Amino acid sequence: MTSASSYSTVSSSSTVSRYCTDSSPSTENRSPWGLILLLIAAMTLWRLVVAGFLPVTQDEAYYFDWARSLAWGYFDHPPGVALLGVGGLLEPGSALMARLGGVLAGMLTLLILARLYVNSGLGQGGVVALALALAFGTLPGLAGGVILTPDSALALAWALALHEAERALAVDRRRWITAGVAVGLGLLGKYTMVLIGPVFLWAILWADWRALRTPWPYLGGLAALLVFSPNLVWNAQHDWVSLGFQFGHGFSTEAPGFVAPEAGAIDHAGPQSAAERLWSLAGYAGTQLGLWGGILVALLAPLWSRSGAIKATSADAKPLLTRPARALLIAAAAFPLIFFALVSWGSEVEANWPAMYLMAAAPLVALWLHPVRAWAAAGVGVNLLLVSLYAFHAATDALPLPDSQNRILRETHGFEALARIAAGLDAPVYADRYQTTAMLRFYQPDLETSQWPGLTRPSEYLRGRIAPRVAPKAVTTPFWLVTRFGAPPEIPGFLPQRQRLLFDCPRAPLTEGAEPPCRRPLHSWRLYLYLPE
């Protein structure tokens, strides 16, 4: 067996001789890191600014509530997102502090990706900077670096795993162990990390199949399992609640043996007929293209430059990817897309599920757009402007957008005022939805509210870990219920006695009254006072 040191020497020399491009001495000696670090600093500064003035979204508030009671798992996800949200404990109610861990994770992700792209052979001609700009400038890259979700932890671990896998393929097979550690950390962030296993296998078979005769890839798999094992133990102790929920959510099915006793029914219906399945697949493809935003136009620019319709930018010789990097990046870009395309045939696929493919697709697209860098920069600029304006609109309600485009306002607007009203009520307060519960608790951390069971989708609140669990049969006093239902929900053992109507209109404070003061309120909340029968 070839030793690790000799393998490193042979691999490095062959990589240099076969895949490095011809460059002038000045180009070879030019370090790309000055431009790279400046670009990452600018990206991080933009994220900090937006994170500070963008109000929290409903799912974010839910995850920030988890951070107040850290555990190895939760009803919906593993613990990574909760750990990133602990900054909110330093200043309760602050969006910036709560998001700080996610912004730092995003900065580390960019640094790791930069190192990966340089190692892959893109260290000349500004292609690394272009690849970073593309990874940052897609719509998930812009929003995901600000809004804290489980994808924030997944992106960091996915980038680290790709970096270590490239080093294992190109330099030292022992790096499969650190790649496995990164995979385990990713699984603690989001279970979708499991998809990197087939990516690694694809890359090994393409670029270094003899590695399968060594212990290193298998030790990497063992390292991943050991790092991930605390969440597996937690799931085993809690009726596999998190894995069961995600399996059903992702595949539109109920998995035997993966049932949460207190969860209640969840609708997992997916497309059924052939026409519905084709429509679902087409919608999936359109959504994934849409994630590129304005960059889509730039993707056509190289074709126009060859036809003479536009003039290509003069540049140094286009760099080439090393063979290990090409195998790994193509696998990491293609497999998530293919996998979720198959899933979309029988289940609804959310836009962000395969989004980790963008990190590997960015350098591939950067090579394609190298002759027309100005067009690529313009596409990133368009996306940056649109997301900035949308975030500004969420904070100020200043843009005259149609109601169909006001999702960000519905996610964020009016909840702080609602929480103040709830905190002043004369009886305990509960909510029918986990999102409303989370927003009340974010803006009023001392409000002992929770989700009333059996009315809407179950959540972590029904397990009684992050907030007091409501046992309806044990409630013997009046309480208020915050809901969007137009009629009071039927709750056995209780009768509604009073109601208050609150209307949240664009460009207006929260208003109480019998009729909404605007034609299309963002929210119409009902507060019902229930008394025991």
Protein backbone atom coordinates (compact mmCIF):
# COMPACT_ATOMS: atom_id res chain seq x y z
CA MET A 1 0.00 0.00 0.00
CA THR A 2 1.26 3.46 -0.85
CA SER A 3 2.05 5.47 2.27
CA ALA A 4 0.19 8.67 3.00
CA SER A 5 3.29 10.84 2.46
CA SER A 6 4.23 9.25 -0.85
CA TYR A 7 0.61 9.42 -1.99
CA SER A 8 0.62 13.12 -1.15
CA THR A 9 3.79 13.71 -3.21
CA VAL A 10 2.61 11.77 -6.24
CA SER A 11 -0.87 13.28 -6.13
CA SER A 12 0.43 16.82 -5.77
CA SER A 13 2.95 16.52 -8.59
CA SER A 14 0.46 14.92 -10.94
CA THR A 15 -2.08 17.57 -10.11
CA VAL A 16 0.37 20.35 -10.90
CA SER A 17 1.55 18.79 -14.14
CA ARG A 18 -1.85 17.85 -15.51
CA TYR A 19 -4.26 20.52 -14.35
CA CYS A 20 -2.54 23.82 -13.68
CA THR A 21 -2.79 26.31 -16.52
CA ASP A 22 0.02 28.12 -18.26
CA SER A 23 0.55 31.44 -16.54
CA SER A 24 3.07 34.21 -16.59
CA PRO A 25 5.42 34.48 -13.59
CA SER A 26 3.58 37.57 -12.38
CA THR A 27 0.27 35.71 -12.52
CA GLU A 28 1.69 32.69 -10.72
CA ASN A 29 3.05 34.82 -7.88
CA ARG A 30 -0.07 36.91 -7.50
CA SER A 31 -2.02 35.93 -4.38
CA PRO A 32 -5.81 35.99 -4.73
CA TRP A 33 -6.38 36.33 -1.00
CA GLY A 34 -6.37 40.12 -0.79
CA LEU A 35 -9.36 40.37 -3.10
CA ILE A 36 -11.02 37.32 -1.51
CA LEU A 37 -10.82 38.64 2.06
CA LEU A 38 -12.01 42.07 0.99
CA LEU A 39 -14.98 40.49 -0.76
CA ILE A 40 -15.86 38.32 2.25
CA ALA A 41 -15.62 41.34 4.57
CA ALA A 42 -18.01 43.29 2.34
CA MET A 43 -20.44 40.36 2.18
CA THR A 44 -20.38 39.93 5.96
CA LEU A 45 -20.90 43.65 6.55
CA TRP A 46 -23.98 43.61 4.30
CA ARG A 47 -25.36 40.65 6.21
CA LEU A 48 -24.79 42.35 9.57
CA VAL A 49 -26.59 45.48 8.44
CA VAL A 50 -29.59 43.57 7.08
CA ALA A 51 -29.68 41.26 10.12
CA GLY A 52 -29.93 44.33 12.33
CA PHE A 53 -32.92 46.04 10.71
CA LEU A 54 -34.87 43.08 9.29
CA PRO A 55 -37.55 41.96 11.80
CA VAL A 56 -37.45 38.33 12.82
CA THR A 57 -39.48 35.84 10.82
CA GLN A 58 -41.83 33.37 12.47
CA ASP A 59 -39.71 30.25 12.06
CA GLU A 60 -36.66 32.17 13.28
CA ALA A 61 -38.50 33.09 16.48
CA TYR A 62 -39.33 29.39 16.90
CA TYR A 63 -35.67 28.41 16.59
CA PHE A 64 -34.57 31.22 18.91
CA ASP A 65 -36.95 29.78 21.51
CA TRP A 66 -35.12 26.47 21.23
CA ALA A 67 -31.88 28.25 22.14
CA ARG A 68 -33.37 29.04 25.56
CA SER A 69 -33.51 25.28 26.30
CA LEU A 70 -30.60 23.57 24.53
CA ALA A 71 -30.95 19.85 23.87
CA TRP A 72 -29.62 17.20 21.48
CA GLY A 73 -32.81 17.29 19.44
CA TYR A 74 -36.21 18.90 18.91
CA PHE A 75 -39.51 17.93 17.34
CA ASP A 76 -38.67 19.44 13.94
CA HIS A 77 -34.86 19.34 13.60
CA PRO A 78 -31.55 18.40 15.24
CA PRO A 79 -29.91 20.97 17.52
CA GLY A 80 -27.56 22.93 15.22
CA VAL A 81 -29.90 25.86 14.58
CA ALA A 82 -30.61 26.26 18.30
CA LEU A 83 -26.89 26.48 19.06
CA LEU A 84 -26.44 29.21 16.42
CA GLY A 85 -29.27 31.18 18.03
CA VAL A 86 -27.82 31.45 21.55
CA GLY A 87 -26.75 35.05 20.89
CA GLY A 88 -30.35 36.03 21.51
CA LEU A 89 -29.89 35.12 25.18
CA LEU A 90 -27.50 38.06 25.57
CA GLU A 91 -30.14 40.59 24.52
CA PRO A 92 -33.69 39.15 24.44
CA GLY A 93 -35.84 40.59 21.70
CA SER A 94 -32.86 41.72 19.58
CA ALA A 95 -32.95 40.41 16.02
CA LEU A 96 -29.26 41.20 15.44
CA MET A 97 -28.00 39.39 18.54
CA ALA A 98 -30.22 36.39 17.87
CA ARG A 99 -28.91 36.17 14.29
CA LEU A 100 -25.27 36.81 15.14
CA GLY A 101 -24.35 33.12 15.25
CA GLY A 102 -25.85 32.60 11.81
CA VAL A 103 -23.95 35.57 10.37
CA LEU A 104 -20.68 34.25 11.80
CA ALA A 105 -21.45 30.80 10.41
CA GLY A 106 -22.06 32.41 7.02
CA MET A 107 -18.70 34.19 7.16
CA LEU A 108 -16.90 30.92 8.01
CA THR A 109 -18.75 29.21 5.16
CA LEU A 110 -17.43 31.79 2.70
CA LEU A 111 -13.87 31.45 4.02
CA ILE A 112 -13.99 27.66 3.69
CA LEU A 113 -15.48 27.87 0.20
CA ALA A 114 -12.74 30.31 -0.83
CA ARG A 115 -10.10 27.84 0.32
CA LEU A 116 -11.89 25.02 -1.49
CA TYR A 117 -12.06 27.02 -4.72
CA VAL A 118 -8.38 27.98 -4.53
CA ASN A 119 -7.37 24.37 -3.89
CA SER A 120 -9.54 23.30 -6.80
CA GLY A 121 -7.43 25.27 -9.28
CA LEU A 122 -9.34 28.57 -9.47
CA GLY A 123 -6.68 30.70 -7.81
CA GLN A 124 -5.92 32.88 -10.83
CA GLY A 125 -7.71 35.50 -12.90
CA GLY A 126 -10.26 36.47 -10.27
CA VAL A 127 -12.28 33.29 -10.81
CA VAL A 128 -12.28 32.49 -7.09
CA ALA A 129 -13.74 35.92 -6.37
CA LEU A 130 -16.32 35.37 -9.09
CA ALA A 131 -17.22 31.93 -7.70
CA LEU A 132 -17.60 33.40 -4.20
CA ALA A 133 -19.75 36.21 -5.53
CA LEU A 134 -21.99 33.66 -7.25
CA ALA A 135 -22.27 31.49 -4.12
CA PHE A 136 -23.13 34.60 -2.10
CA GLY A 137 -25.28 36.28 -4.74
CA THR A 138 -27.91 33.62 -5.40
CA LEU A 139 -31.20 34.23 -3.61
CA PRO A 140 -30.56 31.47 -1.00
CA GLY A 141 -27.03 32.78 -0.50
CA LEU A 142 -28.29 36.29 0.22
CA ALA A 143 -31.26 35.38 2.40
CA GLY A 144 -29.61 32.37 4.05
CA GLY A 145 -26.71 34.44 5.36
CA VAL A 146 -29.12 36.67 7.29
CA ILE A 147 -32.19 34.64 8.25
CA LEU A 148 -31.27 31.88 10.69
CA THR A 149 -32.55 28.43 9.72
CA PRO A 150 -31.22 24.85 9.94
CA ASP A 151 -29.74 25.48 6.49
CA SER A 152 -27.28 27.91 8.12
CA ALA A 153 -25.67 25.06 10.05
CA LEU A 154 -25.99 22.71 7.06
CA ALA A 155 -24.20 25.14 4.72
CA LEU A 156 -21.22 25.52 7.05
CA ALA A 157 -20.82 21.78 7.53
CA TRP A 158 -21.42 21.03 3.82
CA ALA A 159 -18.68 23.49 2.80
CA LEU A 160 -16.27 22.04 5.37
CA ALA A 161 -17.02 18.48 4.25
CA LEU A 162 -16.38 19.38 0.60
CA HIS A 163 -13.12 21.10 1.55
CA GLU A 164 -11.85 18.09 3.48
CA ALA A 165 -13.02 15.65 0.79
CA GLU A 166 -11.12 17.58 -1.88
CA ARG A 167 -7.98 17.42 0.25
CA ALA A 168 -8.53 13.69 0.79
CA LEU A 169 -8.86 13.10 -2.95
CA ALA A 170 -5.95 15.32 -3.95
CA VAL A 171 -3.43 15.26 -1.12
CA ASP A 172 -3.96 12.94 1.84
CA ARG A 173 -6.51 10.15 2.18
CA ARG A 174 -6.41 10.53 5.95
CA ARG A 175 -8.49 13.69 5.51
CA TRP A 176 -11.54 11.45 5.02
CA ILE A 177 -11.64 11.34 8.82
CA THR A 178 -12.02 15.11 9.12
CA ALA A 179 -14.50 15.02 6.25
CA GLY A 180 -16.48 12.50 8.31
CA VAL A 181 -16.38 14.79 11.35
CA ALA A 182 -17.79 17.57 9.18
CA VAL A 183 -20.56 15.26 7.97
CA GLY A 184 -21.47 14.40 11.56
CA LEU A 185 -21.65 18.08 12.46
CA GLY A 186 -23.84 18.67 9.42
CA LEU A 187 -26.23 15.93 10.51
CA LEU A 188 -26.53 17.73 13.84
CA GLY A 189 -27.64 20.75 11.80
CA LYS A 190 -30.01 19.17 9.29
CA TYR A 191 -30.65 15.59 8.25
CA THR A 192 -30.28 16.50 4.56
CA MET A 193 -26.52 16.30 5.19
CA VAL A 194 -26.84 12.55 4.59
CA LEU A 195 -26.92 13.29 0.85
CA ILE A 196 -23.21 14.05 0.88
CA GLY A 197 -22.50 10.33 1.33
CA PRO A 198 -23.39 9.44 -2.29
CA VAL A 199 -21.52 12.57 -3.40
CA PHE A 200 -18.36 11.31 -1.75
CA LEU A 201 -18.78 7.83 -3.23
CA TRP A 202 -19.29 9.28 -6.71
CA ALA A 203 -16.14 11.41 -6.37
CA ILE A 204 -14.03 8.54 -5.02
CA LEU A 205 -15.04 6.21 -7.84
CA TRP A 206 -14.25 8.93 -10.38
CA ALA A 207 -11.01 10.34 -8.99
CA ASP A 208 -9.46 7.87 -6.52
CA TRP A 209 -11.18 4.49 -6.50
CA ARG A 210 -8.14 2.84 -4.89
CA ALA A 211 -8.98 4.77 -1.71
CA LEU A 212 -11.75 2.22 -1.16
CA ARG A 213 -9.00 -0.34 -0.49
CA THR A 214 -7.73 1.77 2.40
CA PRO A 215 -9.35 2.24 5.83
CA TRP A 216 -9.64 6.04 5.59
CA PRO A 217 -13.06 6.47 3.94
CA TYR A 218 -14.55 3.92 6.32
CA LEU A 219 -12.98 5.58 9.35
CA GLY A 220 -14.50 8.82 8.06
CA GLY A 221 -17.92 7.18 8.03
CA LEU A 222 -17.38 5.97 11.58
CA ALA A 223 -16.34 9.49 12.66
CA ALA A 224 -19.54 10.90 11.15
CA LEU A 225 -21.63 8.34 13.04
CA LEU A 226 -19.88 9.06 16.34
CA VAL A 227 -20.34 12.83 16.04
CA PHE A 228 -24.00 12.38 15.06
CA SER A 229 -24.72 9.71 17.70
CA PRO A 230 -26.00 12.08 20.45
CA ASN A 231 -28.95 13.01 18.26
CA LEU A 232 -29.58 9.36 17.42
CA VAL A 233 -29.63 8.53 21.12
CA TRP A 234 -31.97 11.46 21.74
CA ASN A 235 -34.32 10.27 19.00
CA ALA A 236 -34.33 6.75 20.43
CA GLN A 237 -35.27 8.17 23.82
CA HIS A 238 -38.08 10.29 22.34
CA ASP A 239 -39.91 7.85 20.07
CA TRP A 240 -37.88 8.92 16.99
CA VAL A 241 -39.94 12.10 16.89
CA SER A 242 -37.56 14.29 14.89
CA LEU A 243 -36.50 11.71 12.32
CA GLY A 244 -40.10 10.58 11.96
CA PHE A 245 -41.41 14.06 11.38
CA GLN A 246 -38.76 14.89 8.78
CA PHE A 247 -39.18 11.57 6.96
CA GLY A 248 -42.91 12.13 6.67
CA HIS A 249 -42.47 15.78 5.73
CA GLY A 250 -39.93 15.02 3.04
CA PHE A 251 -41.56 12.00 1.43
CA SER A 252 -45.27 12.74 1.98
CA THR A 253 -45.78 9.56 3.95
CA GLU A 254 -46.04 8.17 7.44
CA ALA A 255 -43.10 5.99 8.45
CA PRO A 256 -44.07 2.98 10.61
CA GLY A 257 -42.26 3.18 13.92
CA PHE A 258 -41.58 6.92 13.56
CA VAL A 259 -44.55 8.33 15.43
CA ALA A 260 -44.68 11.06 18.05
CA PRO A 261 -47.37 10.09 20.58
CA GLU A 262 -48.43 13.68 21.24
CA ALA A 263 -47.99 14.89 17.67
CA GLY A 264 -51.46 14.29 16.27
CA ALA A 265 -52.22 13.95 12.61
CA ILE A 266 -50.07 15.54 9.92
CA ASP A 267 -51.21 15.87 6.34
CA HIS A 268 -48.56 14.30 4.10
CA ALA A 269 -50.53 14.30 0.85
CA GLY A 270 -48.39 14.67 -2.27
CA PRO A 271 -49.08 14.67 -6.02
CA GLN A 272 -51.02 11.58 -7.08
CA SER A 273 -51.94 11.56 -10.79
CA ALA A 274 -49.38 11.54 -13.62
CA ALA A 275 -50.33 15.12 -14.54
CA GLU A 276 -49.85 16.27 -10.94
CA ARG A 277 -46.48 14.53 -10.78
CA LEU A 278 -45.30 16.15 -14.02
CA TRP A 279 -46.52 19.52 -12.79
CA SER A 280 -44.69 19.00 -9.51
CA LEU A 281 -41.47 18.12 -11.37
CA ALA A 282 -41.81 21.15 -13.65
CA GLY A 283 -42.44 23.39 -10.65
CA TYR A 284 -39.36 21.99 -8.94
CA ALA A 285 -37.20 22.71 -11.99
CA GLY A 286 -38.57 26.23 -12.33
CA THR A 287 -38.01 26.95 -8.65
CA GLN A 288 -34.38 25.81 -8.78
CA LEU A 289 -33.72 28.00 -11.80
CA GLY A 290 -35.39 30.89 -10.01
CA LEU A 291 -32.91 30.61 -7.13
CA TRP A 292 -30.29 32.15 -9.43
CA GLY A 293 -32.40 35.30 -9.92
CA GLY A 294 -30.71 37.89 -12.12
CA ILE A 295 -27.73 35.60 -12.69
CA LEU A 296 -29.90 33.57 -15.07
CA VAL A 297 -29.52 36.28 -17.73
CA ALA A 298 -25.74 36.24 -17.29
CA LEU A 299 -25.69 32.48 -17.89
CA LEU A 300 -26.70 33.12 -21.50
CA ALA A 301 -24.08 35.82 -22.05
CA PRO A 302 -21.24 33.46 -23.12
CA LEU A 303 -23.44 32.21 -25.96
CA TRP A 304 -24.09 35.78 -27.09
CA SER A 305 -20.37 36.60 -26.88
CA ARG A 306 -19.55 33.70 -29.20
CA SER A 307 -22.16 34.88 -31.68
CA GLY A 308 -20.79 38.41 -31.55
CA ALA A 309 -23.90 39.87 -29.92
CA ILE A 310 -21.81 41.07 -26.98
CA LYS A 311 -18.10 41.50 -26.43
CA ALA A 312 -16.36 39.21 -23.99
CA THR A 313 -14.12 40.66 -21.30
CA SER A 314 -10.41 40.30 -21.93
CA ALA A 315 -8.90 38.15 -19.22
CA ASP A 316 -6.08 35.83 -18.34
CA ALA A 317 -6.25 32.25 -19.53
CA LYS A 318 -9.20 30.52 -17.94
CA PRO A 319 -8.03 28.17 -15.15
CA LEU A 320 -8.86 24.50 -15.12
CA LEU A 321 -10.20 22.48 -12.23
CA THR A 322 -8.01 19.72 -10.89
CA ARG A 323 -9.30 16.24 -11.55
CA PRO A 324 -10.25 15.53 -7.89
CA ALA A 325 -12.02 18.88 -7.61
CA ARG A 326 -13.87 18.40 -10.88
CA ALA A 327 -15.14 14.99 -9.75
CA LEU A 328 -16.21 16.29 -6.34
CA LEU A 329 -17.84 19.54 -7.49
CA ILE A 330 -19.80 17.95 -10.32
CA ALA A 331 -21.04 15.24 -7.95
CA ALA A 332 -21.95 17.79 -5.25
CA ALA A 333 -23.79 19.97 -7.77
CA ALA A 334 -25.62 17.19 -9.59
CA PHE A 335 -26.65 14.69 -6.93
CA PRO A 336 -28.85 16.93 -4.70
CA LEU A 337 -30.64 18.21 -7.81
CA ILE A 338 -31.23 14.71 -9.17
CA PHE A 339 -32.29 13.31 -5.81
CA PHE A 340 -34.90 15.97 -5.12
CA ALA A 341 -36.11 15.83 -8.73
CA LEU A 342 -36.98 12.19 -8.03
CA VAL A 343 -38.59 13.16 -4.72
CA SER A 344 -40.68 15.84 -6.46
CA TRP A 345 -42.29 13.10 -8.56
CA GLY A 346 -44.18 11.90 -5.50
CA SER A 347 -43.92 14.71 -2.96
CA GLU A 348 -43.85 18.48 -2.72
CA VAL A 349 -40.25 19.74 -2.55
CA GLU A 350 -39.52 23.03 -0.84
CA ALA A 351 -37.18 25.36 -2.72
CA ASN A 352 -34.40 25.32 -0.12
CA TRP A 353 -34.06 21.55 0.24
CA PRO A 354 -31.50 21.02 -2.55
CA ALA A 355 -29.97 24.51 -2.24
CA MET A 356 -26.62 23.20 -0.96
CA TYR A 357 -25.85 22.24 -4.55
CA LEU A 358 -25.25 25.94 -5.25
CA MET A 359 -21.95 25.92 -3.35
CA ALA A 360 -20.50 23.35 -5.75
CA ALA A 361 -22.25 24.78 -8.79
CA ALA A 362 -20.82 28.28 -8.20
CA PRO A 363 -17.23 27.51 -9.33
CA LEU A 364 -18.51 25.53 -12.31
CA VAL A 365 -20.69 28.46 -13.34
CA ALA A 366 -17.79 30.86 -12.67
CA LEU A 367 -15.69 29.01 -15.25
CA TRP A 368 -18.54 29.34 -17.74
CA LEU A 369 -18.97 33.06 -17.03
CA HIS A 370 -15.25 33.84 -16.89
CA PRO A 371 -15.23 35.57 -20.31
CA VAL A 372 -18.24 37.73 -19.37
CA ARG A 373 -17.47 38.57 -15.75
CA ALA A 374 -19.17 41.95 -15.99
CA TRP A 375 -22.47 40.26 -16.82
CA ALA A 376 -22.10 37.90 -13.87
CA ALA A 377 -21.34 40.83 -11.55
CA ALA A 378 -24.41 42.62 -12.87
CA GLY A 379 -26.59 39.59 -12.14
CA VAL A 380 -25.27 39.40 -8.58
CA GLY A 381 -25.84 43.14 -8.22
CA VAL A 382 -29.45 42.83 -9.34
CA ASN A 383 -30.07 40.09 -6.76
CA LEU A 384 -28.35 42.11 -4.05
CA LEU A 385 -30.46 45.17 -4.84
CA LEU A 386 -33.73 43.22 -4.91
CA VAL A 387 -33.07 41.42 -1.62
CA SER A 388 -31.92 44.66 0.04
CA LEU A 389 -35.09 46.43 -1.05
CA TYR A 390 -37.24 43.53 0.09
CA ALA A 391 -35.57 43.52 3.50
CA PHE A 392 -36.01 47.31 3.73
CA HIS A 393 -39.68 46.83 2.90
CA ALA A 394 -40.03 44.25 5.69
CA ALA A 395 -38.60 46.77 8.16
CA THR A 396 -40.42 49.90 6.99
CA ASP A 397 -43.44 48.80 4.92
CA ALA A 398 -42.37 51.51 2.49
CA LEU A 399 -42.77 49.92 -0.96
CA PRO A 400 -46.16 49.81 -2.71
CA LEU A 401 -46.01 46.08 -3.42
CA PRO A 402 -49.14 44.15 -4.39
CA ASP A 403 -50.64 41.92 -1.73
CA SER A 404 -49.37 38.78 -3.49
CA GLN A 405 -45.78 39.99 -2.95
CA ASN A 406 -46.18 40.88 0.72
CA ARG A 407 -45.21 37.56 2.20
CA ILE A 408 -42.29 39.12 4.06
CA LEU A 409 -44.66 41.57 5.75
CA ARG A 410 -47.01 38.77 6.76
CA GLU A 411 -43.99 36.98 8.23
CA THR A 412 -42.86 39.92 10.34
CA HIS A 413 -45.39 42.75 10.66
CA GLY A 414 -47.58 43.45 13.69
CA PHE A 415 -46.32 40.71 16.01
CA GLU A 416 -44.47 43.01 18.38
CA ALA A 417 -47.68 45.00 18.99
CA LEU A 418 -49.66 41.77 19.34
CA ALA A 419 -47.20 40.54 21.96
CA ARG A 420 -47.58 43.75 23.98
CA ILE A 421 -51.37 43.35 23.99
CA ALA A 422 -51.07 39.68 24.98
CA ALA A 423 -48.75 40.56 27.86
CA GLY A 424 -51.41 42.93 29.25
CA LEU A 425 -54.32 40.47 29.22
CA ASP A 426 -56.02 39.49 32.47
CA ALA A 427 -55.68 35.70 32.05
CA PRO A 428 -53.14 33.18 30.70
CA VAL A 429 -52.56 33.42 26.95
CA TYR A 430 -52.20 30.57 24.46
CA ALA A 431 -51.96 30.46 20.66
CA ASP A 432 -53.27 27.97 18.14
CA ARG A 433 -50.14 28.02 15.91
CA TYR A 434 -46.53 27.42 16.86
CA GLN A 435 -45.47 30.43 14.75
CA THR A 436 -47.70 32.82 16.72
CA THR A 437 -46.55 31.29 19.98
CA ALA A 438 -42.91 31.79 19.02
CA MET A 439 -43.41 35.43 18.04
CA LEU A 440 -45.23 36.21 21.31
CA ARG A 441 -42.40 34.63 23.27
CA PHE A 442 -39.69 36.40 21.26
CA TYR A 443 -41.11 39.89 21.77
CA GLN A 444 -42.26 39.19 25.35
CA PRO A 445 -39.71 36.71 26.77
CA ASP A 446 -41.39 36.76 30.19
CA LEU A 447 -44.81 35.83 28.80
CA GLU A 448 -45.51 32.23 29.84
CA THR A 449 -47.47 31.29 26.74
CA SER A 450 -47.54 28.09 24.72
CA GLN A 451 -49.39 26.34 21.88
CA TRP A 452 -52.80 24.88 22.60
CA PRO A 453 -52.76 21.26 21.37
CA GLY A 454 -54.99 19.76 18.71
CA LEU A 455 -55.84 22.91 16.75
CA THR A 456 -53.04 23.14 14.15
CA ARG A 457 -49.77 21.45 13.17
CA PRO A 458 -47.88 19.98 16.16
CA SER A 459 -44.54 21.40 17.22
CA GLU A 460 -41.89 21.35 19.91
CA TYR A 461 -44.27 23.30 22.18
CA LEU A 462 -46.48 20.24 22.59
CA ARG A 463 -43.60 18.33 24.22
CA GLY A 464 -43.29 20.75 27.14
CA ARG A 465 -39.52 21.23 26.92
CA ILE A 466 -39.11 24.81 25.70
CA ALA A 467 -42.39 26.10 27.20
CA PRO A 468 -44.97 24.78 29.64
CA ARG A 469 -46.95 22.00 28.04
CA VAL A 470 -50.68 22.62 27.99
CA ALA A 471 -52.75 19.76 29.41
CA PRO A 472 -56.34 20.83 28.59
CA LYS A 473 -57.91 18.60 31.25
CA ALA A 474 -55.74 20.25 33.92
CA VAL A 475 -56.74 23.82 32.97
CA THR A 476 -59.42 25.03 35.38
CA THR A 477 -59.22 28.80 34.95
CA PRO A 478 -60.20 31.19 32.13
CA PHE A 479 -57.65 31.75 29.35
CA TRP A 480 -57.23 33.73 26.15
CA LEU A 481 -56.59 32.06 22.80
CA VAL A 482 -54.87 33.97 19.96
CA THR A 483 -55.99 32.60 16.60
CA ARG A 484 -56.68 33.53 13.00
CA PHE A 485 -59.87 31.46 12.86
CA GLY A 486 -62.94 33.53 12.03
CA ALA A 487 -64.98 31.57 14.59
CA PRO A 488 -63.81 30.40 18.01
CA PRO A 489 -62.36 26.88 17.77
CA GLU A 490 -64.30 24.22 19.64
CA ILE A 491 -62.36 23.23 22.74
CA PRO A 492 -63.95 20.43 24.81
CA GLY A 493 -64.71 21.57 28.36
CA PHE A 494 -64.56 25.29 27.58
CA LEU A 495 -66.89 27.90 26.13
CA PRO A 496 -65.88 31.20 24.47
CA GLN A 497 -67.29 34.20 26.31
CA ARG A 498 -65.59 37.27 24.85
CA GLN A 499 -63.67 38.20 21.77
CA ARG A 500 -61.36 40.98 20.63
CA LEU A 501 -60.62 41.60 16.95
CA LEU A 502 -57.21 42.96 15.97
CA PHE A 503 -56.35 44.03 12.43
CA ASP A 504 -52.83 44.49 11.12
CA CYS A 505 -52.85 46.67 7.99
CA PRO A 506 -49.92 47.76 5.78
CA ARG A 507 -48.43 51.09 6.79
CA ALA A 508 -50.62 51.25 9.90
CA PRO A 509 -50.36 50.24 13.57
CA LEU A 510 -52.28 47.30 14.97
CA THR A 511 -55.94 48.33 15.28
CA GLU A 512 -58.74 46.89 17.40
CA GLY A 513 -62.33 47.12 16.18
CA ALA A 514 -65.31 45.38 14.65
CA GLU A 515 -64.22 45.94 11.03
CA PRO A 516 -60.77 46.13 9.41
CA PRO A 517 -59.65 49.68 8.58
CA CYS A 518 -58.13 48.50 5.26
CA ARG A 519 -59.29 46.30 2.40
CA ARG A 520 -56.65 43.59 2.77
CA PRO A 521 -55.20 43.29 6.30
CA LEU A 522 -51.92 41.45 6.62
CA HIS A 523 -53.34 39.70 9.70
CA SER A 524 -56.74 39.43 11.27
CA TRP A 525 -56.24 38.09 14.77
CA ARG A 526 -59.00 37.03 17.13
CA LEU A 527 -58.50 36.88 20.87
CA TYR A 528 -61.13 34.62 22.45
CA LEU A 529 -61.63 34.38 26.20
CA TYR A 530 -62.59 30.82 27.17
CA LEU A 531 -64.23 29.86 30.46
CA PRO A 532 -64.52 26.34 31.88
CA GLU A 533 -67.96 24.86 31.32
